[in-house]
Amino acid sequence: MTVHESSLSPCVHAILAAKLGKKEKAYEMYMRTARLDLDDYNHEAHEGLHITSMAGTWMSVVHGFGGMRIQDDRLVFAPILPEAWQSYSFKVLFRGETLRVHVDRSGYRTELVARNP
C-alpha cells in the first residue's frame, strides 16, 4: 500500500495493474501519472514539473497497456485497451529497428518503420 507521494509511484502501479488484468486500476493510476502536474496533485507545480512522471506516462502506455516485454530475446506484446480510448499507438526502437505498435478494438498490429544502422 502507498499514498503515492512519489511521482514515480503511480506509473509503476499502472504497469503492474495492467499486467494483473486490473484495467480500471491501471487506468486510474495512468491518469494520476499523466495529470500529476496538470492537476497539481501535490500543490507544487509552481516549483517545477515532474519529468519522471512524464516518462512514467509513456511507460504506463508502452509497458502497461501495451504489455511490452522481452521474452526469449524477442519483443512481445500483451496489449489492453482502456474503456475510455478508441485506440493508441507508440513507437519503440529495439535492436536497431523502429517498430510502430497500434492497438484498437479489433486487436493490435506491429509495423516495421525503419532499420537503423
N, C-alpha and C. Protein backbone atom coordinates (compact mmCIF):
# COMPACT_ATOMS: atom_id res chain seq x y z
N MET A 1 0.85 -1.18 0.00
CA MET A 1 0.00 0.00 0.00
C MET A 1 0.89 1.23 0.00
N THR A 2 0.38 2.27 -0.61
CA THR A 2 1.14 3.52 -0.68
C THR A 2 0.17 4.69 -0.80
N VAL A 3 0.67 5.86 -0.48
CA VAL A 3 -0.13 7.07 -0.65
C VAL A 3 0.26 7.79 -1.94
N HIS A 4 1.19 7.24 -2.68
CA HIS A 4 1.63 7.78 -3.97
C HIS A 4 2.16 9.20 -3.86
N GLU A 5 2.92 9.47 -2.81
CA GLU A 5 3.51 10.80 -2.70
C GLU A 5 4.68 10.99 -3.67
N SER A 6 5.30 9.90 -4.09
CA SER A 6 6.38 9.98 -5.06
C SER A 6 5.79 10.06 -6.46
N SER A 7 6.38 10.90 -7.30
CA SER A 7 5.92 10.99 -8.69
C SER A 7 6.25 9.73 -9.48
N LEU A 8 7.08 8.87 -8.94
CA LEU A 8 7.44 7.61 -9.59
C LEU A 8 6.44 6.49 -9.29
N SER A 9 5.64 6.64 -8.27
CA SER A 9 4.77 5.57 -7.80
C SER A 9 3.60 5.22 -8.72
N PRO A 10 2.79 6.19 -9.19
CA PRO A 10 1.60 5.81 -9.97
C PRO A 10 1.90 5.05 -11.25
N CYS A 11 2.99 5.39 -11.94
CA CYS A 11 3.27 4.70 -13.20
C CYS A 11 3.61 3.24 -12.96
N VAL A 12 4.35 2.95 -11.91
CA VAL A 12 4.69 1.56 -11.59
C VAL A 12 3.43 0.79 -11.24
N HIS A 13 2.54 1.42 -10.50
CA HIS A 13 1.28 0.77 -10.15
C HIS A 13 0.39 0.58 -11.39
N ALA A 14 0.43 1.53 -12.33
CA ALA A 14 -0.34 1.38 -13.57
C ALA A 14 0.17 0.18 -14.37
N ILE A 15 1.48 0.04 -14.47
CA ILE A 15 2.08 -1.07 -15.22
C ILE A 15 1.71 -2.40 -14.58
N LEU A 16 1.86 -2.48 -13.27
CA LEU A 16 1.56 -3.74 -12.58
C LEU A 16 0.07 -4.07 -12.62
N ALA A 17 -0.79 -3.07 -12.46
CA ALA A 17 -2.23 -3.31 -12.53
C ALA A 17 -2.61 -3.84 -13.92
N ALA A 18 -2.04 -3.27 -14.96
CA ALA A 18 -2.32 -3.74 -16.32
C ALA A 18 -1.85 -5.18 -16.49
N LYS A 19 -0.68 -5.48 -15.99
CA LYS A 19 -0.13 -6.84 -16.09
C LYS A 19 -1.02 -7.85 -15.36
N LEU A 20 -1.64 -7.41 -14.27
CA LEU A 20 -2.52 -8.27 -13.48
C LEU A 20 -3.96 -8.30 -14.01
N GLY A 21 -4.21 -7.57 -15.10
CA GLY A 21 -5.55 -7.56 -15.69
C GLY A 21 -6.53 -6.65 -14.99
N LYS A 22 -6.04 -5.75 -14.16
CA LYS A 22 -6.92 -4.81 -13.44
C LYS A 22 -6.98 -3.50 -14.25
N LYS A 23 -7.78 -3.54 -15.32
CA LYS A 23 -7.83 -2.42 -16.27
C LYS A 23 -8.26 -1.10 -15.63
N GLU A 24 -9.27 -1.14 -14.78
CA GLU A 24 -9.74 0.10 -14.18
C GLU A 24 -8.69 0.73 -13.28
N LYS A 25 -8.01 -0.09 -12.49
CA LYS A 25 -6.96 0.43 -11.61
C LYS A 25 -5.78 0.93 -12.43
N ALA A 26 -5.45 0.21 -13.51
CA ALA A 26 -4.35 0.64 -14.38
C ALA A 26 -4.67 2.01 -14.97
N TYR A 27 -5.90 2.20 -15.41
CA TYR A 27 -6.28 3.48 -16.00
C TYR A 27 -6.28 4.59 -14.93
N GLU A 28 -6.76 4.28 -13.76
CA GLU A 28 -6.75 5.26 -12.66
C GLU A 28 -5.33 5.73 -12.37
N MET A 29 -4.40 4.79 -12.27
CA MET A 29 -3.01 5.14 -11.98
C MET A 29 -2.34 5.84 -13.17
N TYR A 30 -2.71 5.44 -14.38
CA TYR A 30 -2.22 6.13 -15.57
C TYR A 30 -2.66 7.60 -15.53
N MET A 31 -3.93 7.85 -15.25
CA MET A 31 -4.42 9.22 -15.20
C MET A 31 -3.71 10.02 -14.12
N ARG A 32 -3.39 9.37 -13.04
CA ARG A 32 -2.69 10.08 -11.96
C ARG A 32 -1.29 10.49 -12.40
N THR A 33 -0.59 9.58 -13.07
CA THR A 33 0.76 9.93 -13.51
C THR A 33 0.72 10.93 -14.66
N ALA A 34 -0.26 10.80 -15.56
CA ALA A 34 -0.35 11.69 -16.71
C ALA A 34 -0.77 13.10 -16.30
N ARG A 35 -1.57 13.22 -15.26
CA ARG A 35 -2.12 14.52 -14.88
C ARG A 35 -1.51 15.11 -13.61
N LEU A 36 -0.43 14.50 -13.13
CA LEU A 36 0.18 14.95 -11.87
C LEU A 36 0.40 16.45 -11.83
N ASP A 37 1.09 16.99 -12.83
CA ASP A 37 1.37 18.42 -12.83
C ASP A 37 0.22 19.24 -13.39
N LEU A 38 -0.54 18.68 -14.32
CA LEU A 38 -1.67 19.42 -14.90
C LEU A 38 -2.72 19.73 -13.84
N ASP A 39 -2.98 18.78 -12.97
CA ASP A 39 -3.97 18.98 -11.90
C ASP A 39 -3.31 19.40 -10.59
N ASP A 40 -1.99 19.49 -10.59
CA ASP A 40 -1.21 19.92 -9.42
C ASP A 40 -1.60 19.15 -8.16
N TYR A 41 -1.60 17.81 -8.29
CA TYR A 41 -1.97 16.94 -7.17
C TYR A 41 -1.19 17.25 -5.89
N ASN A 42 0.09 17.52 -6.04
CA ASN A 42 0.94 17.72 -4.86
C ASN A 42 1.08 19.19 -4.48
N HIS A 43 0.35 20.07 -5.15
CA HIS A 43 0.36 21.51 -4.86
C HIS A 43 1.78 22.07 -4.90
N GLU A 44 2.53 21.67 -5.93
CA GLU A 44 3.90 22.15 -6.02
C GLU A 44 4.34 22.39 -7.46
N ALA A 45 3.40 22.46 -8.38
CA ALA A 45 3.75 22.66 -9.79
C ALA A 45 4.50 23.98 -9.99
N HIS A 46 4.27 24.93 -9.12
CA HIS A 46 4.97 26.21 -9.22
C HIS A 46 6.48 26.05 -9.01
N GLU A 47 6.89 24.92 -8.43
CA GLU A 47 8.31 24.66 -8.19
C GLU A 47 8.99 23.97 -9.38
N GLY A 48 8.21 23.51 -10.33
CA GLY A 48 8.75 22.82 -11.50
C GLY A 48 7.97 21.56 -11.79
N LEU A 49 8.23 21.00 -12.96
CA LEU A 49 7.49 19.83 -13.41
C LEU A 49 8.19 18.54 -13.01
N HIS A 50 7.42 17.47 -12.92
CA HIS A 50 7.92 16.15 -12.58
C HIS A 50 8.24 15.39 -13.86
N ILE A 51 9.48 15.52 -14.33
CA ILE A 51 9.89 14.87 -15.57
C ILE A 51 9.75 13.35 -15.44
N THR A 52 10.00 12.82 -14.26
CA THR A 52 9.87 11.37 -14.06
C THR A 52 8.43 10.92 -14.26
N SER A 53 7.48 11.74 -13.89
CA SER A 53 6.08 11.39 -14.09
C SER A 53 5.72 11.44 -15.57
N MET A 54 6.33 12.36 -16.30
CA MET A 54 6.10 12.41 -17.75
C MET A 54 6.63 11.14 -18.40
N ALA A 55 7.81 10.71 -18.01
CA ALA A 55 8.36 9.45 -18.52
C ALA A 55 7.48 8.28 -18.08
N GLY A 56 6.97 8.36 -16.86
CA GLY A 56 6.09 7.32 -16.35
C GLY A 56 4.80 7.20 -17.15
N THR A 57 4.34 8.31 -17.72
CA THR A 57 3.16 8.28 -18.57
C THR A 57 3.43 7.42 -19.80
N TRP A 58 4.59 7.64 -20.42
CA TRP A 58 4.98 6.82 -21.58
C TRP A 58 5.12 5.36 -21.18
N MET A 59 5.78 5.12 -20.06
CA MET A 59 5.97 3.74 -19.59
C MET A 59 4.63 3.06 -19.32
N SER A 60 3.68 3.80 -18.77
CA SER A 60 2.35 3.24 -18.49
C SER A 60 1.67 2.77 -19.76
N VAL A 61 1.82 3.54 -20.83
CA VAL A 61 1.21 3.15 -22.10
C VAL A 61 1.94 1.95 -22.70
N VAL A 62 3.26 2.04 -22.81
CA VAL A 62 4.03 1.01 -23.52
C VAL A 62 4.14 -0.28 -22.71
N HIS A 63 4.58 -0.18 -21.48
CA HIS A 63 4.78 -1.38 -20.66
C HIS A 63 3.50 -1.83 -19.96
N GLY A 64 2.62 -0.88 -19.66
CA GLY A 64 1.36 -1.22 -19.00
C GLY A 64 0.31 -1.66 -20.00
N PHE A 65 -0.32 -0.69 -20.68
CA PHE A 65 -1.39 -1.03 -21.62
C PHE A 65 -0.88 -1.82 -22.81
N GLY A 66 0.33 -1.49 -23.29
CA GLY A 66 0.89 -2.21 -24.43
C GLY A 66 1.42 -3.59 -24.07
N GLY A 67 1.69 -3.80 -22.79
CA GLY A 67 2.17 -5.10 -22.33
C GLY A 67 3.52 -5.49 -22.93
N MET A 68 4.35 -4.51 -23.28
CA MET A 68 5.63 -4.82 -23.91
C MET A 68 6.59 -5.47 -22.91
N ARG A 69 7.13 -6.61 -23.32
CA ARG A 69 8.11 -7.34 -22.53
C ARG A 69 9.14 -7.95 -23.48
N ILE A 70 10.26 -8.34 -22.93
CA ILE A 70 11.24 -9.10 -23.70
C ILE A 70 11.21 -10.53 -23.17
N GLN A 71 10.92 -11.47 -24.06
CA GLN A 71 10.88 -12.89 -23.72
C GLN A 71 11.66 -13.65 -24.77
N ASP A 72 12.52 -14.54 -24.31
CA ASP A 72 13.34 -15.34 -25.22
C ASP A 72 14.03 -14.45 -26.26
N ASP A 73 14.55 -13.32 -25.78
CA ASP A 73 15.33 -12.42 -26.62
C ASP A 73 14.51 -11.73 -27.72
N ARG A 74 13.18 -11.69 -27.57
CA ARG A 74 12.30 -11.05 -28.54
C ARG A 74 11.32 -10.13 -27.83
N LEU A 75 10.87 -9.12 -28.56
CA LEU A 75 9.81 -8.26 -28.02
C LEU A 75 8.47 -8.97 -28.17
N VAL A 76 7.68 -8.95 -27.12
CA VAL A 76 6.32 -9.47 -27.18
C VAL A 76 5.39 -8.41 -26.59
N PHE A 77 4.14 -8.46 -27.00
CA PHE A 77 3.13 -7.51 -26.54
C PHE A 77 1.91 -8.27 -26.06
N ALA A 78 1.30 -7.76 -25.00
CA ALA A 78 0.03 -8.30 -24.49
C ALA A 78 -0.85 -7.08 -24.18
N PRO A 79 -1.31 -6.39 -25.23
CA PRO A 79 -1.99 -5.12 -25.03
C PRO A 79 -3.41 -5.24 -24.49
N ILE A 80 -3.78 -4.20 -23.77
CA ILE A 80 -5.16 -4.00 -23.35
C ILE A 80 -5.55 -2.59 -23.76
N LEU A 81 -6.82 -2.38 -23.97
CA LEU A 81 -7.31 -1.07 -24.39
C LEU A 81 -8.22 -0.52 -23.30
N PRO A 82 -7.84 0.61 -22.70
CA PRO A 82 -8.74 1.20 -21.70
C PRO A 82 -10.11 1.51 -22.31
N GLU A 83 -11.13 1.36 -21.52
CA GLU A 83 -12.51 1.59 -21.99
C GLU A 83 -12.69 2.99 -22.57
N ALA A 84 -12.01 3.97 -22.01
CA ALA A 84 -12.18 5.36 -22.43
C ALA A 84 -11.50 5.68 -23.76
N TRP A 85 -10.71 4.76 -24.28
CA TRP A 85 -9.95 5.01 -25.51
C TRP A 85 -10.51 4.20 -26.68
N GLN A 86 -10.39 4.76 -27.87
CA GLN A 86 -10.72 4.03 -29.09
C GLN A 86 -9.50 3.29 -29.61
N SER A 87 -8.32 3.88 -29.42
CA SER A 87 -7.08 3.28 -29.89
C SER A 87 -5.90 4.03 -29.29
N TYR A 88 -4.74 3.48 -29.47
CA TYR A 88 -3.49 4.17 -29.16
C TYR A 88 -2.38 3.53 -29.97
N SER A 89 -1.29 4.25 -30.12
CA SER A 89 -0.13 3.71 -30.82
C SER A 89 1.13 4.31 -30.24
N PHE A 90 2.22 3.62 -30.45
CA PHE A 90 3.52 4.11 -29.99
C PHE A 90 4.60 3.48 -30.84
N LYS A 91 5.77 4.09 -30.79
CA LYS A 91 6.94 3.55 -31.48
C LYS A 91 7.98 3.15 -30.46
N VAL A 92 8.73 2.10 -30.78
CA VAL A 92 9.85 1.68 -29.95
C VAL A 92 11.03 1.34 -30.85
N LEU A 93 12.20 1.60 -30.35
CA LEU A 93 13.43 1.21 -31.04
C LEU A 93 13.98 0.00 -30.32
N PHE A 94 14.12 -1.11 -31.04
CA PHE A 94 14.61 -2.35 -30.45
C PHE A 94 15.61 -2.97 -31.40
N ARG A 95 16.83 -3.08 -30.94
CA ARG A 95 17.90 -3.71 -31.71
C ARG A 95 18.01 -3.16 -33.13
N GLY A 96 18.01 -1.83 -33.22
CA GLY A 96 18.23 -1.19 -34.50
C GLY A 96 17.01 -1.12 -35.40
N GLU A 97 15.87 -1.55 -34.92
CA GLU A 97 14.64 -1.47 -35.71
C GLU A 97 13.60 -0.63 -34.96
N THR A 98 12.99 0.30 -35.69
CA THR A 98 11.92 1.09 -35.12
C THR A 98 10.59 0.43 -35.50
N LEU A 99 9.83 0.09 -34.48
CA LEU A 99 8.53 -0.55 -34.67
C LEU A 99 7.43 0.40 -34.24
N ARG A 100 6.33 0.38 -34.96
CA ARG A 100 5.12 1.09 -34.55
C ARG A 100 4.12 0.04 -34.11
N VAL A 101 3.55 0.24 -32.95
CA VAL A 101 2.53 -0.66 -32.41
C VAL A 101 1.22 0.12 -32.36
N HIS A 102 0.18 -0.44 -32.94
CA HIS A 102 -1.14 0.19 -32.93
C HIS A 102 -2.14 -0.78 -32.29
N VAL A 103 -2.90 -0.26 -31.33
CA VAL A 103 -3.89 -1.06 -30.62
C VAL A 103 -5.25 -0.39 -30.79
N ASP A 104 -6.25 -1.19 -31.15
CA ASP A 104 -7.61 -0.68 -31.22
C ASP A 104 -8.57 -1.80 -30.82
N ARG A 105 -9.84 -1.57 -30.99
CA ARG A 105 -10.86 -2.54 -30.55
C ARG A 105 -10.76 -3.88 -31.29
N SER A 106 -10.17 -3.89 -32.48
CA SER A 106 -10.06 -5.14 -33.24
C SER A 106 -8.82 -5.94 -32.88
N GLY A 107 -7.93 -5.37 -32.09
CA GLY A 107 -6.70 -6.07 -31.69
C GLY A 107 -5.50 -5.16 -31.80
N TYR A 108 -4.37 -5.74 -32.18
CA TYR A 108 -3.17 -4.92 -32.33
C TYR A 108 -2.35 -5.40 -33.51
N ARG A 109 -1.52 -4.48 -33.99
CA ARG A 109 -0.60 -4.83 -35.07
C ARG A 109 0.71 -4.09 -34.87
N THR A 110 1.77 -4.70 -35.35
CA THR A 110 3.09 -4.06 -35.32
C THR A 110 3.55 -3.86 -36.76
N GLU A 111 4.32 -2.82 -36.95
CA GLU A 111 4.80 -2.47 -38.28
C GLU A 111 6.25 -2.02 -38.16
N LEU A 112 7.10 -2.54 -38.99
CA LEU A 112 8.48 -2.10 -39.05
C LEU A 112 8.51 -0.75 -39.75
N VAL A 113 9.01 0.26 -39.06
CA VAL A 113 9.06 1.62 -39.61
C VAL A 113 10.43 1.88 -40.24
N ALA A 114 11.50 1.44 -39.56
CA ALA A 114 12.85 1.70 -40.08
C ALA A 114 13.84 0.74 -39.49
N ARG A 115 14.85 0.42 -40.26
CA ARG A 115 16.02 -0.29 -39.77
C ARG A 115 17.11 0.75 -39.59
N ASN A 116 17.64 0.85 -38.41
CA ASN A 116 18.65 1.84 -38.12
C ASN A 116 20.02 1.17 -38.02
N PRO A 117 21.03 1.82 -38.56
CA PRO A 117 22.37 1.21 -38.53
C PRO A 117 22.91 1.05 -37.13
